């Protein structure tokens, strides 16, 4: 496969991890989930509500 595909997929995973941390969720878990699900994880994160401070 083309290397650009892997670079794009990894970049999307990093963006998802940052988005998850902004919603008070574990960035590492969402990074790993994004490596598997890719854009689907992004859509899930868009609709997940922000967690309150515990």
PDB file of N, CA and C in Angstrom:
ATOM      1  N   UNK A   1       0.828  -1.183   0.000  1.00  0.00           N
ATOM      2  CA  UNK A   1       0.000   0.000   0.000  1.00  0.00           C
ATOM      3  C   UNK A   1       0.874   1.248   0.000  1.00  0.00           C
ATOM      4  N   UNK A   2       0.242   2.334  -0.319  1.00  0.00           N
ATOM      5  CA  UNK A   2       0.938   3.601  -0.383  1.00  0.00           C
ATOM      6  C   UNK A   2       1.242   4.111   1.027  1.00  0.00           C
ATOM      7  N   UNK A   3       2.433   4.665   1.228  1.00  0.00           N
ATOM      8  CA  UNK A   3       2.820   5.170   2.543  1.00  0.00           C
ATOM      9  C   UNK A   3       1.948   6.329   2.993  1.00  0.00           C
ATOM     10  N   UNK A   4       1.405   7.104   2.050  1.00  0.00           N
ATOM     11  CA  UNK A   4       0.553   8.235   2.413  1.00  0.00           C
ATOM     12  C   UNK A   4      -0.701   7.768   3.139  1.00  0.00           C
ATOM     13  N   UNK A   5      -1.190   6.600   2.798  1.00  0.00           N
ATOM     14  CA  UNK A   5      -2.364   6.050   3.469  1.00  0.00           C
ATOM     15  C   UNK A   5      -2.083   5.852   4.950  1.00  0.00           C
ATOM     16  N   UNK A   6      -0.932   5.270   5.269  1.00  0.00           N
ATOM     17  CA  UNK A   6      -0.579   5.006   6.661  1.00  0.00           C
ATOM     18  C   UNK A   6      -0.305   6.293   7.426  1.00  0.00           C
ATOM     19  N   UNK A   7       0.309   7.265   6.774  1.00  0.00           N
ATOM     20  CA  UNK A   7       0.563   8.556   7.415  1.00  0.00           C
ATOM     21  C   UNK A   7      -0.760   9.251   7.717  1.00  0.00           C
ATOM     22  N   UNK A   8      -1.693   9.229   6.790  1.00  0.00           N
ATOM     23  CA  UNK A   8      -2.999   9.841   6.992  1.00  0.00           C
ATOM     24  C   UNK A   8      -3.784   9.154   8.092  1.00  0.00           C
ATOM     25  N   UNK A   9      -3.743   7.836   8.113  1.00  0.00           N
ATOM     26  CA  UNK A   9      -4.467   7.062   9.131  1.00  0.00           C
ATOM     27  C   UNK A   9      -3.887   7.344  10.519  1.00  0.00           C
ATOM     28  N   UNK A  10      -2.567   7.404  10.614  1.00  0.00           N
ATOM     29  CA  UNK A  10      -1.921   7.715  11.895  1.00  0.00           C
ATOM     30  C   UNK A  10      -2.216   9.130  12.354  1.00  0.00           C
ATOM     31  N   UNK A  11      -2.236  10.071  11.419  1.00  0.00           N
ATOM     32  CA  UNK A  11      -2.567  11.452  11.753  1.00  0.00           C
ATOM     33  C   UNK A  11      -3.994  11.561  12.257  1.00  0.00           C
ATOM     34  N   UNK A  12      -4.910  10.873  11.613  1.00  0.00           N
ATOM     35  CA  UNK A  12      -6.300  10.868  12.060  1.00  0.00           C
ATOM     36  C   UNK A  12      -6.413  10.281  13.466  1.00  0.00           C
ATOM     37  N   UNK A  13      -5.631   9.262  13.765  1.00  0.00           N
ATOM     38  CA  UNK A  13      -5.644   8.664  15.099  1.00  0.00           C
ATOM     39  C   UNK A  13      -5.157   9.653  16.150  1.00  0.00           C
ATOM     40  N   UNK A  14      -4.135  10.430  15.821  1.00  0.00           N
ATOM     41  CA  UNK A  14      -3.644  11.445  16.748  1.00  0.00           C
ATOM     42  C   UNK A  14      -4.678  12.548  16.968  1.00  0.00           C
ATOM     43  N   UNK A  15      -5.355  12.951  15.902  1.00  0.00           N
ATOM     44  CA  UNK A  15      -6.401  13.966  16.011  1.00  0.00           C
ATOM     45  C   UNK A  15      -7.536  13.447  16.886  1.00  0.00           C
ATOM     46  N   UNK A  16      -7.912  12.200  16.698  1.00  0.00           N
ATOM     47  CA  UNK A  16      -8.975  11.612  17.516  1.00  0.00           C
ATOM     48  C   UNK A  16      -8.571  11.541  18.983  1.00  0.00           C
ATOM     49  N   UNK A  17      -7.308  11.236  19.262  1.00  0.00           N
ATOM     50  CA  UNK A  17      -6.840  11.183  20.642  1.00  0.00           C
ATOM     51  C   UNK A  17      -6.944  12.567  21.285  1.00  0.00           C
ATOM     52  N   UNK A  18      -6.577  13.597  20.553  1.00  0.00           N
ATOM     53  CA  UNK A  18      -6.681  14.962  21.081  1.00  0.00           C
ATOM     54  C   UNK A  18      -8.141  15.355  21.283  1.00  0.00           C
ATOM     55  N   UNK A  19      -8.989  14.987  20.350  1.00  0.00           N
ATOM     56  CA  UNK A  19     -10.422  15.271  20.477  1.00  0.00           C
ATOM     57  C   UNK A  19     -11.016  14.556  21.688  1.00  0.00           C
ATOM     58  N   UNK A  20     -10.595  13.327  21.910  1.00  0.00           N
ATOM     59  CA  UNK A  20     -11.085  12.561  23.063  1.00  0.00           C
ATOM     60  C   UNK A  20     -10.633  13.200  24.372  1.00  0.00           C
ATOM     61  N   UNK A  21      -9.392  13.653  24.434  1.00  0.00           N
ATOM     62  CA  UNK A  21      -8.916  14.297  25.651  1.00  0.00           C
ATOM     63  C   UNK A  21      -9.669  15.596  25.910  1.00  0.00           C
ATOM     64  N   UNK A  22     -10.062  16.291  24.862  1.00  0.00           N
ATOM     65  CA  UNK A  22     -10.853  17.493  25.017  1.00  0.00           C
ATOM     66  C   UNK A  22     -12.230  17.214  25.581  1.00  0.00           C
ATOM     67  N   UNK A  23     -12.683  15.976  25.442  1.00  0.00           N
ATOM     68  CA  UNK A  23     -13.977  15.567  25.993  1.00  0.00           C
ATOM     69  C   UNK A  23     -13.805  14.767  27.284  1.00  0.00           C
ATOM     70  N   UNK A  24     -12.643  14.918  27.912  1.00  0.00           N
ATOM     71  CA  UNK A  24     -12.303  14.246  29.183  1.00  0.00           C
ATOM     72  C   UNK A  24     -12.391  12.726  29.066  1.00  0.00           C
ATOM     73  N   UNK A  25     -11.898  12.190  27.991  1.00  0.00           N
ATOM     74  CA  UNK A  25     -11.838  10.752  27.787  1.00  0.00           C
ATOM     75  C   UNK A  25     -10.382  10.350  27.585  1.00  0.00           C
ATOM     76  N   UNK A  26     -10.094   9.072  27.703  1.00  0.00           N
ATOM     77  CA  UNK A  26      -8.715   8.594  27.612  1.00  0.00           C
ATOM     78  C   UNK A  26      -8.207   8.661  26.178  1.00  0.00           C
ATOM     79  N   UNK A  27      -7.191   9.490  25.975  1.00  0.00           N
ATOM     80  CA  UNK A  27      -6.631   9.684  24.641  1.00  0.00           C
ATOM     81  C   UNK A  27      -5.989   8.433  24.078  1.00  0.00           C
ATOM     82  N   UNK A  28      -5.280   7.689  24.920  1.00  0.00           N
ATOM     83  CA  UNK A  28      -4.592   6.480  24.453  1.00  0.00           C
ATOM     84  C   UNK A  28      -5.587   5.438  23.957  1.00  0.00           C
ATOM     85  N   UNK A  29      -6.671   5.257  24.706  1.00  0.00           N
ATOM     86  CA  UNK A  29      -7.678   4.276  24.279  1.00  0.00           C
ATOM     87  C   UNK A  29      -8.282   4.663  22.939  1.00  0.00           C
ATOM     88  N   UNK A  30      -8.598   5.941  22.774  1.00  0.00           N
ATOM     89  CA  UNK A  30      -9.195   6.388  21.519  1.00  0.00           C
ATOM     90  C   UNK A  30      -8.178   6.373  20.386  1.00  0.00           C
ATOM     91  N   UNK A  31      -6.902   6.589  20.685  1.00  0.00           N
ATOM     92  CA  UNK A  31      -5.872   6.477  19.664  1.00  0.00           C
ATOM     93  C   UNK A  31      -5.819   5.046  19.128  1.00  0.00           C
ATOM     94  N   UNK A  32      -5.790   4.080  20.049  1.00  0.00           N
ATOM     95  CA  UNK A  32      -5.729   2.675  19.641  1.00  0.00           C
ATOM     96  C   UNK A  32      -7.002   2.254  18.917  1.00  0.00           C
ATOM     97  N   UNK A  33      -8.145   2.722  19.390  1.00  0.00           N
ATOM     98  CA  UNK A  33      -9.406   2.425  18.730  1.00  0.00           C
ATOM     99  C   UNK A  33      -9.435   3.036  17.326  1.00  0.00           C
ATOM    100  N   UNK A  34      -8.873   4.214  17.188  1.00  0.00           N
ATOM    101  CA  UNK A  34      -8.844   4.889  15.895  1.00  0.00           C
ATOM    102  C   UNK A  34      -7.933   4.178  14.896  1.00  0.00           C
ATOM    103  N   UNK A  35      -6.899   3.525  15.397  1.00  0.00           N
ATOM    104  CA  UNK A  35      -6.041   2.759  14.492  1.00  0.00           C
ATOM    105  C   UNK A  35      -6.822   1.628  13.831  1.00  0.00           C
ATOM    106  N   UNK A  36      -7.817   1.115  14.563  1.00  0.00           N
ATOM    107  CA  UNK A  36      -8.626   0.014  14.041  1.00  0.00           C
ATOM    108  C   UNK A  36      -9.805   0.534  13.231  1.00  0.00           C
ATOM    109  N   UNK A  37     -10.522   1.508  13.785  1.00  0.00           N
ATOM    110  CA  UNK A  37     -11.768   1.960  13.170  1.00  0.00           C
ATOM    111  C   UNK A  37     -11.609   3.146  12.224  1.00  0.00           C
ATOM    112  N   UNK A  38     -10.564   3.935  12.426  1.00  0.00           N
ATOM    113  CA  UNK A  38     -10.311   5.084  11.569  1.00  0.00           C
ATOM    114  C   UNK A  38     -11.399   6.135  11.632  1.00  0.00           C
ATOM    115  N   UNK A  39     -11.952   6.523  10.487  1.00  0.00           N
ATOM    116  CA  UNK A  39     -12.948   7.590  10.445  1.00  0.00           C
ATOM    117  C   UNK A  39     -14.222   7.287  11.236  1.00  0.00           C
ATOM    118  N   UNK A  40     -14.532   6.029  11.436  1.00  0.00           N
ATOM    119  CA  UNK A  40     -15.724   5.675  12.220  1.00  0.00           C
ATOM    120  C   UNK A  40     -15.560   6.168  13.655  1.00  0.00           C
ATOM    121  N   UNK A  41     -14.347   6.057  14.201  1.00  0.00           N
ATOM    122  CA  UNK A  41     -14.088   6.537  15.556  1.00  0.00           C
ATOM    123  C   UNK A  41     -14.266   8.049  15.638  1.00  0.00           C
ATOM    124  N   UNK A  42     -13.932   8.757  14.573  1.00  0.00           N
ATOM    125  CA  UNK A  42     -14.122  10.206  14.543  1.00  0.00           C
ATOM    126  C   UNK A  42     -15.602  10.551  14.657  1.00  0.00           C
ATOM    127  N   UNK A  43     -16.435   9.873  13.915  1.00  0.00           N
ATOM    128  CA  UNK A  43     -17.870  10.127  13.974  1.00  0.00           C
ATOM    129  C   UNK A  43     -18.437   9.776  15.349  1.00  0.00           C
ATOM    130  N   UNK A  44     -17.946   8.719  15.957  1.00  0.00           N
ATOM    131  CA  UNK A  44     -18.397   8.361  17.302  1.00  0.00           C
ATOM    132  C   UNK A  44     -18.028   9.473  18.281  1.00  0.00           C
ATOM    133  N   UNK A  45     -16.798   9.983  18.181  1.00  0.00           N
ATOM    134  CA  UNK A  45     -16.359  11.038  19.083  1.00  0.00           C
ATOM    135  C   UNK A  45     -17.140  12.329  18.897  1.00  0.00           C
ATOM    136  N   UNK A  46     -17.584  12.580  17.694  1.00  0.00           N
ATOM    137  CA  UNK A  46     -18.350  13.797  17.452  1.00  0.00           C
ATOM    138  C   UNK A  46     -19.675  13.799  18.198  1.00  0.00           C
ATOM    139  N   UNK A  47     -20.258  12.635  18.399  1.00  0.00           N
ATOM    140  CA  UNK A  47     -21.578  12.544  19.014  1.00  0.00           C
ATOM    141  C   UNK A  47     -21.539  12.139  20.480  1.00  0.00           C
ATOM    142  N   UNK A  48     -20.373  11.823  21.014  1.00  0.00           N
ATOM    143  CA  UNK A  48     -20.239  11.467  22.429  1.00  0.00           C
ATOM    144  C   UNK A  48     -20.210  12.756  23.241  1.00  0.00           C
ATOM    145  N   UNK A  49     -20.952  12.762  24.335  1.00  0.00           N
ATOM    146  CA  UNK A  49     -20.987  13.959  25.180  1.00  0.00           C
ATOM    147  C   UNK A  49     -19.729  14.066  26.016  1.00  0.00           C
ATOM    148  N   UNK A  50     -19.425  15.304  26.407  1.00  0.00           N
ATOM    149  CA  UNK A  50     -18.271  15.552  27.245  1.00  0.00           C
ATOM    150  C   UNK A  50     -18.537  15.059  28.658  1.00  0.00           C
ATOM    151  N   UNK A  51     -17.554  14.373  29.240  1.00  0.00           N
ATOM    152  CA  UNK A  51     -17.682  13.887  30.616  1.00  0.00           C
ATOM    153  C   UNK A  51     -17.448  15.034  31.581  1.00  0.00           C
ATOM    154  N   UNK A  52     -18.169  15.004  32.689  1.00  0.00           N
ATOM    155  CA  UNK A  52     -17.953  15.998  33.745  1.00  0.00           C
ATOM    156  C   UNK A  52     -16.733  15.661  34.566  1.00  0.00           C
ATOM    157  N   UNK A  53     -16.257  16.617  35.297  1.00  0.00           N
ATOM    158  CA  UNK A  53     -15.108  16.393  36.197  1.00  0.00           C
ATOM    159  C   UNK A  53     -15.559  15.537  37.358  1.00  0.00           C
ATOM    160  N   UNK A  54     -14.757  14.522  37.661  1.00  0.00           N
ATOM    161  CA  UNK A  54     -15.108  13.608  38.761  1.00  0.00           C
ATOM    162  C   UNK A  54     -14.282  13.881  39.974  1.00  0.00           C
TER     163      UNK A  54
END
